[in-house]
Protein backbone atom coordinates (compact mmCIF):
# COMPACT_ATOMS: atom_id res chain seq x y z
CA UNK A 1 77.86 36.33 17.17
CA UNK A 2 77.86 37.58 20.79
CA UNK A 3 81.60 37.75 20.58
CA UNK A 4 81.51 39.82 17.45
CA UNK A 5 79.07 42.31 19.12
CA UNK A 6 81.37 42.61 22.16
CA UNK A 7 84.39 43.10 19.90
CA UNK A 8 82.60 45.90 17.88
CA UNK A 9 81.50 47.63 21.13
CA UNK A 10 85.12 47.58 22.41
CA UNK A 11 86.32 49.05 19.05
CA UNK A 12 83.76 51.78 19.40
CA UNK A 13 84.83 52.50 23.00
CA UNK A 14 88.47 52.56 21.97
CA UNK A 15 87.68 54.95 19.11
CA UNK A 16 85.72 57.26 21.46
CA UNK A 17 88.66 57.20 23.92
CA UNK A 18 91.02 58.19 21.18
CA UNK A 19 88.79 60.97 20.00
CA UNK A 20 88.49 62.19 23.62
CA UNK A 21 92.27 62.09 24.06
CA UNK A 22 92.97 64.07 20.91
CA UNK A 23 90.36 66.63 22.02
CA UNK A 24 91.94 66.90 25.42
CA UNK A 25 95.38 67.33 23.81
CA UNK A 26 94.12 70.01 21.54
CA UNK A 27 92.40 71.77 24.44
CA UNK A 28 95.57 71.53 26.53
CA UNK A 29 97.62 73.07 23.74
CA UNK A 30 95.15 75.83 23.30
CA UNK A 31 94.99 76.57 27.00
CA UNK A 32 98.80 76.43 27.25
CA UNK A 33 98.86 79.28 24.73
CA UNK A 34 96.52 81.21 26.83
CA UNK A 35 98.33 80.68 30.16
CA UNK A 36 102.09 80.84 29.12
CA UNK A 37 104.15 83.84 30.41
CA UNK A 38 104.65 86.89 28.14
CA UNK A 39 108.19 87.26 26.78
CA UNK A 40 110.46 89.64 28.80
CA UNK A 41 110.46 93.20 27.49
CA UNK A 42 113.58 94.17 25.51
CA UNK A 43 116.25 95.95 27.52
CA UNK A 44 116.07 99.70 27.42
CA UNK A 45 118.12 101.32 24.69
CA UNK A 46 121.53 102.81 25.70
CA UNK A 47 121.06 106.60 25.85
CA UNK A 48 122.91 108.49 23.23
CA UNK A 49 124.52 111.94 22.93
CA UNK A 50 123.59 114.42 20.17
CA UNK A 51 125.67 114.46 17.07
CA UNK A 52 128.97 116.12 17.69
CA UNK A 53 129.09 115.33 21.49
CA UNK A 54 131.50 112.74 22.89
CA UNK A 55 132.04 111.29 26.33
CA UNK A 56 135.23 109.29 26.40
CA UNK A 57 137.83 107.75 28.75
CA UNK A 58 141.64 107.85 28.77
CA UNK A 59 141.77 105.43 25.70
CA UNK A 60 139.52 107.73 23.56
CA UNK A 61 136.65 105.13 23.60
CA UNK A 62 133.02 106.06 24.44
CA UNK A 63 131.83 105.71 28.06
CA UNK A 64 128.46 104.33 29.13
CA UNK A 65 125.93 107.14 29.55
CA UNK A 66 124.28 105.03 32.22
CA UNK A 67 127.38 105.30 34.38
CA UNK A 68 128.74 108.80 33.31
CA UNK A 69 126.89 112.12 33.11
CA UNK A 70 127.97 114.42 30.21
CA UNK A 71 128.59 118.07 31.00
CA UNK A 72 126.12 120.63 29.91
CA UNK A 73 128.36 122.75 27.65
CA UNK A 74 127.39 125.46 25.20
CA UNK A 75 129.60 127.82 23.28
CA UNK A 76 129.11 131.16 21.61
CA UNK A 77 130.65 132.18 18.25
CA UNK A 78 132.06 135.57 17.30
CA UNK A 79 133.61 136.74 14.08
CA UNK A 80 136.42 139.15 14.52
CA UNK A 81 135.82 140.44 11.01
CA UNK A 82 139.55 140.54 9.99
CA UNK A 83 141.95 137.96 8.73
CA UNK A 84 143.51 136.26 11.69
CA UNK A 85 145.70 133.24 11.06
CA UNK A 86 148.08 132.31 13.90
CA UNK A 87 145.84 134.15 16.47
CA UNK A 88 146.50 134.70 20.15
CA UNK A 89 143.86 135.48 22.69
CA UNK A 90 143.61 136.93 26.15
CA UNK A 91 141.06 138.53 28.43
CA UNK A 92 141.75 141.37 30.91
CA UNK A 93 139.99 141.74 34.30
CA UNK A 94 137.64 144.27 32.72
CA UNK A 95 136.32 141.52 30.44
CA UNK A 96 137.75 142.92 27.27
CA UNK A 97 138.88 140.21 24.81
CA UNK A 98 142.14 140.80 22.81
CA UNK A 99 142.58 138.87 19.58
CA UNK A 100 146.08 139.44 18.16
CA UNK A 101 147.04 138.26 14.61
CA UNK A 102 148.97 139.77 11.74
CA UNK A 103 149.56 143.45 12.44
CA UNK A 104 146.30 144.13 14.22
CA UNK A 105 145.16 144.05 17.88
CA UNK A 106 141.45 143.49 17.81
CA UNK A 107 139.48 144.22 20.95
CA UNK A 108 135.95 143.41 22.03
CA UNK A 109 134.53 144.77 25.37
CA UNK A 110 131.02 143.55 24.73
CA UNK A 111 131.52 139.83 24.79
CA UNK A 112 132.27 139.52 21.16
CA UNK A 113 129.26 141.41 19.84
CA UNK A 114 131.58 143.97 18.15
CA UNK A 115 135.35 144.34 17.52
CA UNK A 116 137.68 147.24 16.90
CA UNK A 117 141.27 147.63 15.92
CA UNK A 118 143.19 149.21 18.81
CA UNK A 119 146.78 148.83 17.46
CA UNK A 120 148.80 151.67 18.67
CA UNK A 121 151.03 153.88 16.49
CA UNK A 122 153.98 152.76 18.56
CA UNK A 123 153.35 149.11 17.58
CA UNK A 124 154.77 147.43 14.53
CA UNK A 125 153.31 148.46 11.24
CA UNK A 126 154.08 145.12 9.56
CA UNK A 127 154.77 141.51 10.64
CA UNK A 128 156.44 138.30 9.74
CA UNK A 129 155.06 136.40 12.76
CA UNK A 130 152.66 137.74 15.46
CA UNK A 131 152.18 136.81 19.12
CA UNK A 132 149.98 138.26 21.80
CA UNK A 133 149.84 137.77 25.57
CA UNK A 134 147.73 139.22 28.35
CA UNK A 135 149.47 139.15 31.83
CA UNK A 136 146.88 137.55 34.13
CA UNK A 137 148.39 139.40 37.16
CA UNK A 138 148.93 142.89 35.84
CA UNK A 139 146.53 143.06 32.82
CA UNK A 140 149.34 144.25 30.62
CA UNK A 141 148.71 143.44 26.96
CA UNK A 142 151.71 142.51 24.89
CA UNK A 143 151.75 142.71 21.05
CA UNK A 144 154.85 141.07 19.67
CA UNK A 145 155.69 141.25 15.94
CA UNK A 146 158.65 139.77 14.18
CA UNK A 147 160.44 142.25 11.84
CA UNK A 148 162.05 140.24 9.04
CA UNK A 149 164.71 137.87 10.43
CA UNK A 150 166.57 140.51 12.28
CA UNK A 151 164.59 141.59 15.37
CA UNK A 152 161.11 141.98 16.78
CA UNK A 153 158.95 144.74 17.95
CA UNK A 154 157.30 144.41 21.39
CA UNK A 155 154.66 147.03 22.39
CA UNK A 156 152.43 146.86 25.39
CA UNK A 157 149.44 148.56 26.93
CA UNK A 158 148.33 148.91 30.53
CA UNK A 159 144.94 150.52 29.87
CA UNK A 160 142.93 147.95 27.77
CA UNK A 161 144.52 149.11 24.59
CA UNK A 162 143.93 152.76 24.73
CA UNK A 163 147.63 153.75 24.74
CA UNK A 164 150.77 151.74 23.94
CA UNK A 165 154.48 151.77 24.64
CA UNK A 166 156.84 150.21 22.16
CA UNK A 167 160.52 149.35 21.39
CA UNK A 168 161.67 148.18 17.99
CA UNK A 169 164.60 146.32 19.36
CA UNK A 170 163.45 143.81 21.92
CA UNK A 171 164.83 140.53 20.63
CA UNK A 172 167.65 140.20 23.12
CA UNK A 173 171.25 139.99 22.12
CA UNK A 174 170.97 137.83 19.07
CA UNK A 175 169.18 138.54 15.82
CA UNK A 176 165.89 136.67 15.57
CA UNK A 177 164.83 133.89 13.32
CA UNK A 178 161.27 132.59 13.91
CA UNK A 179 158.55 131.44 16.31
CA UNK A 180 158.54 134.32 18.69
CA UNK A 181 156.78 133.65 22.00
CA UNK A 182 156.22 135.75 25.18
CA UNK A 183 154.69 134.97 28.55
CA UNK A 184 154.82 136.11 32.19
CA UNK A 185 155.07 134.40 35.53
CA UNK A 186 156.00 134.76 39.21
CA UNK A 187 159.57 135.18 40.44
CA UNK A 188 161.24 132.31 42.23
CA UNK A 189 163.85 132.47 45.02
CA UNK A 190 166.76 131.26 42.98
CA UNK A 191 168.63 132.08 39.74
CA UNK A 192 167.26 135.11 37.97
CA UNK A 193 164.48 135.19 40.57
CA UNK A 194 166.90 136.52 43.18
CA UNK A 195 167.29 139.72 40.99
CA UNK A 196 163.57 139.69 40.24
CA UNK A 197 162.79 139.98 43.89
CA UNK A 198 164.27 143.50 43.89
CA UNK A 199 162.41 144.65 40.76
CA UNK A 200 158.80 143.86 41.68
CA UNK A 201 158.09 147.41 42.63
CA UNK A 202 158.72 148.37 38.97
CA UNK A 203 156.90 145.34 37.50
CA UNK A 204 155.40 142.46 39.46
CA UNK A 205 156.10 139.43 37.18
CA UNK A 206 158.92 138.07 35.14
CA UNK A 207 158.53 138.46 31.31
CA UNK A 208 159.92 135.71 29.19
CA UNK A 209 160.69 135.94 25.46
CA UNK A 210 161.74 132.98 23.43
CA UNK A 211 162.44 132.44 19.75
CA UNK A 212 164.43 130.03 17.55
CA UNK A 213 167.57 130.78 15.53
CA UNK A 214 168.66 128.00 13.29
CA UNK A 215 168.71 124.90 15.40
CA UNK A 216 168.48 126.55 18.76
CA UNK A 217 165.98 128.00 21.21
CA UNK A 218 166.86 131.38 22.65
CA UNK A 219 165.10 132.54 25.85
CA UNK A 220 165.41 135.85 27.70
CA UNK A 221 164.11 137.14 30.88
CA UNK A 222 163.01 140.74 31.51
CA UNK A 223 163.28 142.55 34.86
CA UNK A 224 161.42 145.58 33.76
CA UNK A 225 158.10 144.39 32.41
CA UNK A 226 159.28 143.68 28.85
CA UNK A 227 160.96 146.97 28.21
CA UNK A 228 164.38 145.32 27.85
CA UNK A 229 165.66 141.71 27.50
CA UNK A 230 169.31 141.68 28.42
CA UNK A 231 169.43 138.44 30.48
CA UNK A 232 169.39 135.00 28.87
CA UNK A 233 170.43 133.37 25.57
CA UNK A 234 170.72 129.96 23.96
CA UNK A 235 169.17 127.06 25.87
CA UNK A 236 171.86 124.42 25.54
CA UNK A 237 171.17 120.68 25.24
CA UNK A 238 168.26 119.00 23.42
CA UNK A 239 166.93 122.28 22.07
CA UNK A 240 170.21 122.94 20.35
CA UNK A 241 170.82 119.50 18.89
CA UNK A 242 167.28 118.53 17.85
CA UNK A 243 165.85 121.64 16.35
CA UNK A 244 164.76 125.03 17.57
CA UNK A 245 161.06 125.32 16.63
CA UNK A 246 158.90 125.42 19.71
CA UNK A 247 155.51 126.06 21.20
CA UNK A 248 154.31 128.64 23.69
CA UNK A 249 155.93 129.55 26.99
CA UNK A 250 154.08 128.38 30.15
CA UNK A 251 154.75 129.58 33.67
CA UNK A 252 153.26 127.85 36.78
CA UNK A 253 152.25 129.49 40.04
CA UNK A 254 155.33 128.09 41.72
CA UNK A 255 157.53 129.92 39.06
CA UNK A 256 158.36 126.77 37.07
CA UNK A 257 158.72 127.71 33.26
CA UNK A 258 158.02 125.33 30.35
CA UNK A 259 158.96 125.48 26.71
CA UNK A 260 158.13 122.71 24.25
CA UNK A 261 160.53 121.93 21.32
CA UNK A 262 159.09 120.49 18.18
CA UNK A 263 160.98 117.14 18.17
CA UNK A 264 160.18 113.55 17.38
CA UNK A 265 159.73 112.36 21.04
CA UNK A 266 157.35 114.50 23.05
CA UNK A 267 159.60 116.69 25.27
CA UNK A 268 159.43 119.66 27.61
CA UNK A 269 162.24 122.05 28.58
CA UNK A 270 161.94 123.19 32.16
CA UNK A 271 163.49 126.01 34.35
CA UNK A 272 163.12 126.37 38.05
CA UNK A 273 165.15 129.67 38.37
CA UNK A 274 163.34 131.96 35.99
CA UNK A 275 165.34 130.96 32.97
CA UNK A 276 168.89 130.86 34.31
CA UNK A 277 169.19 127.07 33.79
CA UNK A 278 167.10 124.58 31.96
CA UNK A 279 166.68 120.73 31.80
CA UNK A 280 164.54 118.58 29.54
CA UNK A 281 162.21 115.67 30.12
CA UNK A 282 160.73 113.31 27.54
CA UNK A 283 157.56 111.15 27.49
CA UNK A 284 155.05 109.75 24.95
CA UNK A 285 157.27 107.08 23.44
CA UNK A 286 154.24 104.76 23.43
CA UNK A 287 152.37 107.06 20.90
CA UNK A 288 155.11 109.16 19.31
CA UNK A 289 154.50 112.01 16.92
CA UNK A 290 153.65 112.31 13.27
CA UNK A 291 155.74 113.76 10.45
CA UNK A 292 155.37 116.55 9.68
CA UNK A 293 154.33 117.70 13.17
CA UNK A 294 153.38 120.87 14.85
CA UNK A 295 153.97 122.33 18.41
CA UNK A 296 153.07 120.59 21.58
CA UNK A 297 151.84 122.70 24.51
CA UNK A 298 151.83 122.79 28.30
CA UNK A 299 149.35 124.16 30.77
CA UNK A 300 149.65 124.36 34.63
CA UNK A 301 146.82 124.47 37.13
CA UNK A 302 146.52 126.55 40.36
CA UNK A 303 148.58 123.95 42.28
CA UNK A 304 151.31 123.96 39.60
CA UNK A 305 150.49 120.45 38.23
CA UNK A 306 151.49 120.37 34.55
CA UNK A 307 149.63 118.94 31.55
CA UNK A 308 151.59 118.39 28.33
CA UNK A 309 149.54 117.73 25.09
CA UNK A 310 150.57 116.82 21.55
CA UNK A 311 149.34 115.09 18.38
CA UNK A 312 150.46 111.41 18.41
CA UNK A 313 151.70 109.32 15.51
CA UNK A 314 148.05 107.98 15.09
CA UNK A 315 146.92 111.65 14.79
CA UNK A 316 145.00 111.65 18.00
CA UNK A 317 145.58 114.21 20.83
CA UNK A 318 147.46 112.82 23.80
CA UNK A 319 148.55 114.03 27.32
CA UNK A 320 151.13 113.35 29.98
CA UNK A 321 150.99 114.83 33.45
CA UNK A 322 153.52 115.97 36.07
CA UNK A 323 152.68 116.62 39.66
CA UNK A 324 156.24 117.64 40.74
CA UNK A 325 156.98 120.79 38.76
CA UNK A 326 158.17 118.98 35.62
CA UNK A 327 160.72 116.75 37.24
CA UNK A 328 159.03 113.51 36.20
CA UNK A 329 156.24 112.68 33.79
CA UNK A 330 154.03 109.73 33.34
CA UNK A 331 155.21 107.50 30.52
CA UNK A 332 151.78 105.88 29.58
CA UNK A 333 150.04 108.48 27.44
CA UNK A 334 146.32 109.40 27.85
CA UNK A 335 144.20 110.01 24.78
CA UNK A 336 142.14 113.19 25.00
CA UNK A 337 140.46 113.21 21.52
CA UNK A 338 137.65 110.65 20.84
CA UNK A 339 138.78 107.68 18.69
CA UNK A 340 136.14 108.70 16.20
CA UNK A 341 138.23 111.75 15.44
CA UNK A 342 140.79 110.21 13.25
CA UNK A 343 142.84 113.32 12.42
CA UNK A 344 143.88 116.33 14.60
CA UNK A 345 146.05 119.35 14.45
CA UNK A 346 146.87 122.56 16.39
CA UNK A 347 146.08 121.35 19.90
CA UNK A 348 146.06 124.04 22.62
CA UNK A 349 145.33 123.78 26.39
CA UNK A 350 144.77 125.78 29.52
CA UNK A 351 143.93 124.83 33.08
CA UNK A 352 142.23 126.17 36.17
CA UNK A 353 142.08 124.28 39.50
CA UNK A 354 143.70 120.81 39.79
CA UNK A 355 142.35 118.46 37.17
CA UNK A 356 140.20 121.07 35.51
CA UNK A 357 141.48 121.55 31.95
CA UNK A 358 140.18 122.59 28.46
CA UNK A 359 141.69 121.64 25.15
CA UNK A 360 140.93 122.70 21.55
CA UNK A 361 142.11 121.34 18.23
CA UNK A 362 140.94 120.97 14.66
CA UNK A 363 139.84 117.41 13.80
CA UNK A 364 138.21 115.28 11.24
CA UNK A 365 135.80 112.29 11.59
CA UNK A 366 136.13 111.22 7.96
CA UNK A 367 137.37 107.66 8.76
CA UNK A 368 136.18 106.41 5.33
CA UNK A 369 138.98 108.46 3.75
CA UNK A 370 141.76 106.50 5.64
CA UNK A 371 143.86 104.43 3.21
CA UNK A 372 142.31 106.33 0.31
CA UNK A 373 144.62 108.21 -2.05
CA UNK A 374 146.03 111.26 -0.42
CA UNK A 375 147.34 114.46 -2.16
CA UNK A 376 150.50 112.63 -3.14
CA UNK A 377 148.69 109.52 -4.34
CA UNK A 378 149.69 107.51 -1.28
CA UNK A 379 147.34 105.75 1.19
CA UNK A 380 146.17 108.48 3.65
CA UNK A 381 147.03 107.67 7.34
CA UNK A 382 145.35 110.66 8.86
CA UNK A 383 148.08 113.30 8.71
CA UNK A 384 146.38 116.72 7.97
CA UNK A 385 149.39 117.70 5.83
CA UNK A 386 148.41 115.07 3.19
CA UNK A 387 144.58 115.01 3.67
CA UNK A 388 142.60 114.30 0.49
CA UNK A 389 139.88 116.54 -0.87
CA UNK A 390 136.95 114.64 0.92
CA UNK A 391 138.29 115.33 4.40
CA UNK A 392 136.74 118.15 6.36
CA UNK A 393 138.24 119.64 9.63
CA UNK A 394 136.10 121.15 12.36
CA UNK A 395 136.88 122.87 15.62
CA UNK A 396 136.56 120.74 18.76
CA UNK A 397 136.69 121.80 22.42
CA UNK A 398 137.28 119.11 25.17
CA UNK A 399 136.73 119.60 28.93
CA UNK A 400 137.85 117.43 31.81
CA UNK A 401 137.14 118.17 35.47
CA UNK A 402 139.15 115.20 36.71
CA UNK A 403 142.19 115.21 34.55
CA UNK A 404 144.44 114.14 37.43
CA UNK A 405 142.40 110.94 38.09
CA UNK A 406 143.79 107.49 37.14
CA UNK A 407 140.81 107.25 34.72
CA UNK A 408 139.97 110.78 33.63
CA UNK A 409 136.83 111.58 31.73
CA UNK A 410 136.74 113.82 28.68
CA UNK A 411 133.73 115.83 27.39
CA UNK A 412 134.14 116.87 23.80
CA UNK A 413 132.00 119.13 21.60
CA UNK A 414 132.34 119.69 17.92
CA UNK A 415 131.51 123.39 18.10
CA UNK A 416 131.83 124.55 14.44
CA UNK A 417 128.66 123.76 12.47
CA UNK A 418 130.57 123.84 9.25
CA UNK A 419 134.14 122.94 8.29
CA UNK A 420 137.07 125.08 9.35
CA UNK A 421 139.06 123.61 6.43
CA UNK A 422 138.31 121.33 3.56
CA UNK A 423 141.18 119.25 2.41
CA UNK A 424 144.85 119.42 3.47
CA UNK A 425 146.36 121.82 6.00
CA UNK A 426 150.07 122.59 5.28
CA UNK A 427 152.14 121.72 8.31
CA UNK A 428 155.48 122.24 6.61
CA UNK A 429 156.24 125.59 5.07
CA UNK A 430 158.72 123.99 2.70
CA UNK A 431 156.15 121.56 1.30
CA UNK A 432 152.87 123.56 0.86
CA UNK A 433 150.60 123.00 -2.13
CA UNK A 434 148.79 125.33 -4.49
CA UNK A 435 145.37 123.80 -4.55
CA UNK A 436 143.28 126.79 -5.65
CA UNK A 437 145.64 128.87 -3.56
CA UNK A 438 148.08 127.80 -0.86
CA UNK A 439 146.86 125.28 1.70
CA UNK A 440 148.94 127.11 4.28
CA UNK A 441 146.12 129.65 4.83
CA UNK A 442 145.77 128.65 8.49
CA UNK A 443 149.47 128.91 9.23
CA UNK A 444 150.83 127.29 12.44
CA UNK A 445 148.48 127.43 15.49
CA UNK A 446 145.34 128.48 17.27
CA UNK A 447 145.06 129.57 20.87
CA UNK A 448 143.01 128.92 24.07
CA UNK A 449 142.99 130.75 27.36
CA UNK A 450 140.68 131.24 30.30
CA UNK A 451 139.62 134.55 32.02
CA UNK A 452 139.57 135.41 35.69
CA UNK A 453 136.35 133.40 36.30
CA UNK A 454 137.49 130.32 34.47
CA UNK A 455 135.59 130.84 31.23
CA UNK A 456 137.24 129.33 28.08
CA UNK A 457 138.05 131.40 25.05
CA UNK A 458 139.38 129.89 21.74
CA UNK A 459 140.89 131.89 18.87
CA UNK A 460 141.24 130.27 15.40
CA UNK A 461 141.34 131.08 11.71
CA UNK A 462 138.40 129.92 9.73
CA UNK A 463 139.37 128.68 6.26
CA UNK A 464 135.93 127.73 5.05
CA UNK A 465 133.63 130.71 4.81
CA UNK A 466 130.93 132.04 2.57
CA UNK A 467 129.98 129.57 -0.18
CA UNK A 468 132.48 127.10 1.30
CA UNK A 469 130.60 126.91 4.51
CA UNK A 470 127.03 126.83 3.02
CA UNK A 471 127.68 124.66 -0.08
CA UNK A 472 127.10 120.92 -0.02
CA UNK A 473 129.93 120.07 -2.31
CA UNK A 474 132.70 122.37 -1.12
CA UNK A 475 136.24 121.64 -2.29
CA UNK A 476 139.70 122.49 -1.05
CA UNK A 477 139.79 125.24 -3.68
CA UNK A 478 136.87 126.89 -1.85
CA UNK A 479 138.69 126.69 1.50
CA UNK A 480 141.40 129.36 1.40
CA UNK A 481 140.03 131.98 3.83
CA UNK A 482 141.63 132.79 7.19
CA UNK A 483 138.97 134.73 9.04
CA UNK A 484 139.72 135.61 12.61
CA UNK A 485 137.15 133.78 14.82
CA UNK A 486 136.38 133.15 18.42
CA UNK A 487 134.39 130.61 20.47
CA UNK A 488 133.91 131.05 24.17
CA UNK A 489 131.98 129.22 26.80
CA UNK A 490 128.42 130.39 26.97
CA UNK A 491 127.27 128.23 29.78
CA UNK A 492 128.84 125.38 31.61
CA UNK A 493 131.29 124.70 34.48
CA UNK A 494 134.05 127.06 35.22
CA UNK A 495 137.60 125.77 35.36
CA UNK A 496 137.68 127.24 38.90
CA UNK A 497 135.64 124.97 41.13
CA UNK A 498 134.67 127.82 43.54
CA UNK A 499 132.96 129.69 40.69
CA UNK A 500 130.62 126.84 39.80
CA UNK A 501 128.57 126.91 36.68
CA UNK A 502 128.81 129.96 34.32
CA UNK A 503 125.79 131.55 32.61
CA UNK A 504 125.69 133.24 29.27
CA UNK A 505 126.38 136.95 29.13
CA UNK A 506 123.38 139.18 28.88
CA UNK A 507 123.38 141.30 25.72
CA UNK A 508 124.22 144.88 26.31
């Protein structure tokens, strides 16, 4: 009996111990929940840019905003108020902007608030191909108009367009064909430059005039400010054998002259003696060019470094650089346009101080349309010539302030709030399409130049205006305008380092 009582007592003690243990365990678990460390806070979100702004490296990919600071860029729009496909733009030292397209020379001396036609009666009354140029040294404004396929008419003004002097036979010694271009630059100490040293009292700079005839590029040099062009002729070599279409003429501060032929492998044609002799250099074999293609372009900075840009086979904008006056060029191409911009056309460039460049082009971000049916029913690869109806092109402007660095940084802004073109842009005059009107409404090129203080100006033709610009379901048929339009830097860094940041103009 005593043993039974002891056994029962022990069982009760064991039971109490177990209950106490369970209680302690529950209390421990509860207290553990009270005393355990809080989870670490989530990492801060990567800062982002507003829609339409891009910060990219030399491969076109986005850079970290925690490591790189975007430029503060703003741009101002101005409508010229006249049709203006294939526009040229320049700014005189007085601040007057000249927009030249078709037969008209449009001028604004109030920062784009108003425009007037200042075409002189001695200038051409009709055109088959226009070109304009403002000499940055003398302020002479050139208005060049092709007259059929026979000749061209060059007129010029030395007083901001108030009066003009013209000559209807300025095409050199050979009847003209197409793609007239004119530019100016300093005289060298060799070749035609020797003669130019004796004519500077009459006109300070050399005037170059180039055009294509059949498969060749013809370039002439004027010793009298563009009044006559009796020296020059066919550029032999690549330009003769591989086609004569070409981009603008560029002259560097050291007198080096560049012309860019429209060929399969990106190429520049170079002269060190004011156009007496020429040689060519190729690059960009790693990215190639599309087909059909448009002109490539060259800009040079204040130290005569050269920057050659073109649209690559993948439809991005690419660049190669030369730091020895065009003798050699890097063979690994640098992508300027963001990878998100999957189609580009009409790239243009200008430069200020070393490494400080600006580029403009039309581009599309409609990546969803890649491999969809293009206007020929084939999978679309991004070429603007074949773009389907759901593709929209906008105007982009890209800045770089360190374009000579091994890893340059590019700041890109989609400046147009509505499309410049909806659907395809004809890049081959022999294969244009009637889609509610010809899709060649934008013609062949836009333009970009800087003024004396390093402010960027862009001239372009706007193909999508009125209902096309405001409608939510605009079609290619709605996009057949060619309104002359301008964007210029409102505020942001000058391409001349000593100028610093530029502010917006005050309204007059």
